[in-house]
N, C-alpha and C. Protein backbone atom coordinates (compact mmCIF):
# COMPACT_ATOMS: atom_id res chain seq x y z
N MET A 1 7.69 -15.31 -3.82
CA MET A 1 7.67 -15.17 -2.39
C MET A 1 6.37 -14.51 -1.95
N CYS A 2 5.78 -14.99 -0.89
CA CYS A 2 4.53 -14.47 -0.35
C CYS A 2 4.83 -13.27 0.56
N LEU A 3 3.94 -12.29 0.57
CA LEU A 3 4.15 -11.12 1.41
C LEU A 3 4.29 -11.48 2.88
N SER A 4 3.55 -12.50 3.33
CA SER A 4 3.62 -12.88 4.74
C SER A 4 4.95 -13.53 5.11
N ASP A 5 5.73 -13.91 4.11
CA ASP A 5 7.04 -14.50 4.36
C ASP A 5 8.15 -13.45 4.41
N MET A 6 7.82 -12.21 4.09
CA MET A 6 8.83 -11.16 4.03
C MET A 6 9.03 -10.52 5.40
N SER A 7 10.24 -10.06 5.67
CA SER A 7 10.53 -9.36 6.92
C SER A 7 9.96 -7.95 6.85
N ASN A 8 9.90 -7.28 8.01
CA ASN A 8 9.41 -5.90 8.04
C ASN A 8 10.24 -5.01 7.14
N CYS A 9 11.54 -5.19 7.17
CA CYS A 9 12.44 -4.37 6.35
C CYS A 9 12.19 -4.62 4.87
N GLU A 10 12.01 -5.87 4.49
CA GLU A 10 11.74 -6.20 3.08
C GLU A 10 10.41 -5.60 2.62
N LEU A 11 9.40 -5.62 3.50
CA LEU A 11 8.11 -5.03 3.15
C LEU A 11 8.22 -3.52 2.97
N LEU A 12 8.99 -2.86 3.84
CA LEU A 12 9.19 -1.42 3.71
C LEU A 12 9.91 -1.08 2.40
N LEU A 13 10.93 -1.85 2.08
CA LEU A 13 11.66 -1.60 0.83
C LEU A 13 10.77 -1.83 -0.39
N LEU A 14 9.95 -2.89 -0.34
CA LEU A 14 9.04 -3.17 -1.45
C LEU A 14 8.03 -2.03 -1.62
N ALA A 15 7.45 -1.58 -0.50
CA ALA A 15 6.49 -0.48 -0.55
C ALA A 15 7.14 0.79 -1.10
N ASN A 16 8.36 1.05 -0.69
CA ASN A 16 9.09 2.22 -1.18
C ASN A 16 9.33 2.13 -2.68
N ASP A 17 9.78 0.98 -3.14
CA ASP A 17 10.05 0.80 -4.57
C ASP A 17 8.78 0.95 -5.41
N ILE A 18 7.68 0.38 -4.93
CA ILE A 18 6.41 0.48 -5.65
C ILE A 18 5.94 1.93 -5.69
N SER A 19 6.04 2.62 -4.56
CA SER A 19 5.63 4.03 -4.50
C SER A 19 6.42 4.89 -5.47
N LEU A 20 7.72 4.69 -5.51
CA LEU A 20 8.56 5.47 -6.42
C LEU A 20 8.21 5.17 -7.88
N ALA A 21 7.99 3.90 -8.18
CA ALA A 21 7.68 3.51 -9.56
C ALA A 21 6.33 4.08 -10.01
N ILE A 22 5.35 4.02 -9.13
CA ILE A 22 4.01 4.52 -9.48
C ILE A 22 4.02 6.03 -9.66
N SER A 23 4.70 6.75 -8.77
CA SER A 23 4.62 8.22 -8.77
C SER A 23 5.60 8.90 -9.72
N LYS A 24 6.45 8.13 -10.34
CA LYS A 24 7.51 8.70 -11.18
C LYS A 24 6.98 9.69 -12.21
N ASP A 25 5.91 9.37 -12.89
CA ASP A 25 5.41 10.21 -13.98
C ASP A 25 4.12 10.97 -13.61
N LEU A 26 3.82 11.07 -12.31
CA LEU A 26 2.61 11.77 -11.88
C LEU A 26 2.95 13.15 -11.35
N ASN A 27 2.00 14.09 -11.51
CA ASN A 27 2.18 15.40 -10.88
C ASN A 27 1.69 15.31 -9.43
N ALA A 28 1.81 16.42 -8.70
CA ALA A 28 1.46 16.43 -7.28
C ALA A 28 -0.01 16.09 -7.05
N ASN A 29 -0.91 16.64 -7.87
CA ASN A 29 -2.34 16.37 -7.70
C ASN A 29 -2.67 14.90 -7.95
N GLU A 30 -2.08 14.33 -8.98
CA GLU A 30 -2.32 12.92 -9.28
C GLU A 30 -1.75 12.02 -8.18
N THR A 31 -0.60 12.40 -7.64
CA THR A 31 0.00 11.63 -6.55
C THR A 31 -0.88 11.69 -5.30
N ASN A 32 -1.40 12.88 -4.99
CA ASN A 32 -2.30 13.02 -3.84
C ASN A 32 -3.56 12.20 -4.01
N LEU A 33 -4.14 12.22 -5.21
CA LEU A 33 -5.36 11.45 -5.48
C LEU A 33 -5.10 9.95 -5.31
N LEU A 34 -4.00 9.48 -5.87
CA LEU A 34 -3.67 8.07 -5.76
C LEU A 34 -3.38 7.67 -4.31
N SER A 35 -2.74 8.55 -3.57
CA SER A 35 -2.47 8.31 -2.16
C SER A 35 -3.78 8.15 -1.38
N ALA A 36 -4.72 9.05 -1.61
CA ALA A 36 -6.03 8.96 -0.94
C ALA A 36 -6.75 7.68 -1.32
N PHE A 37 -6.67 7.31 -2.59
CA PHE A 37 -7.31 6.09 -3.07
C PHE A 37 -6.75 4.85 -2.35
N PHE A 38 -5.42 4.77 -2.26
CA PHE A 38 -4.82 3.61 -1.59
C PHE A 38 -5.07 3.63 -0.08
N ASN A 39 -5.22 4.81 0.51
CA ASN A 39 -5.59 4.88 1.92
C ASN A 39 -6.98 4.29 2.14
N ILE A 40 -7.90 4.58 1.23
CA ILE A 40 -9.26 4.01 1.32
C ILE A 40 -9.20 2.49 1.22
N ILE A 41 -8.41 1.98 0.28
CA ILE A 41 -8.27 0.53 0.15
C ILE A 41 -7.72 -0.06 1.44
N GLY A 42 -6.70 0.57 2.02
CA GLY A 42 -6.13 0.08 3.27
C GLY A 42 -7.14 0.08 4.40
N ASP A 43 -7.93 1.14 4.50
CA ASP A 43 -8.97 1.21 5.54
C ASP A 43 -10.01 0.11 5.36
N GLN A 44 -10.42 -0.13 4.13
CA GLN A 44 -11.40 -1.18 3.86
C GLN A 44 -10.84 -2.56 4.20
N LEU A 45 -9.58 -2.79 3.86
CA LEU A 45 -8.95 -4.08 4.19
C LEU A 45 -8.88 -4.27 5.71
N ALA A 46 -8.60 -3.20 6.44
CA ALA A 46 -8.55 -3.29 7.90
C ALA A 46 -9.92 -3.64 8.47
N LEU A 47 -10.97 -3.05 7.92
CA LEU A 47 -12.33 -3.38 8.38
C LEU A 47 -12.69 -4.83 8.06
N ILE A 48 -12.33 -5.28 6.88
CA ILE A 48 -12.61 -6.67 6.50
C ILE A 48 -11.86 -7.62 7.42
N ALA A 49 -10.61 -7.31 7.73
CA ALA A 49 -9.81 -8.17 8.60
C ALA A 49 -10.42 -8.25 10.00
N LEU A 50 -11.00 -7.15 10.48
CA LEU A 50 -11.62 -7.16 11.82
C LEU A 50 -12.84 -8.07 11.86
N GLN A 51 -13.51 -8.23 10.74
CA GLN A 51 -14.73 -9.03 10.69
C GLN A 51 -14.47 -10.51 10.47
N LYS A 52 -13.26 -10.85 10.03
CA LYS A 52 -12.95 -12.26 9.75
C LYS A 52 -12.62 -12.98 11.05
N PRO A 53 -13.05 -14.22 11.16
CA PRO A 53 -12.67 -15.00 12.35
C PRO A 53 -11.17 -15.34 12.29
N ASN A 54 -10.59 -15.50 13.46
CA ASN A 54 -9.18 -15.86 13.52
C ASN A 54 -9.04 -17.26 13.01
């Protein structure tokens, strides 16, 4: 299934499941670092999307 075919609720549940799985064996510092890293990726994707033609 493609992400664009998923409902908002399904996307939230998927994001929650992935977050829990990734952070399960990390300490607080590692979790914070990974969170900041994924925020940067999200920001970059938003900038790229703004530059793409519709």
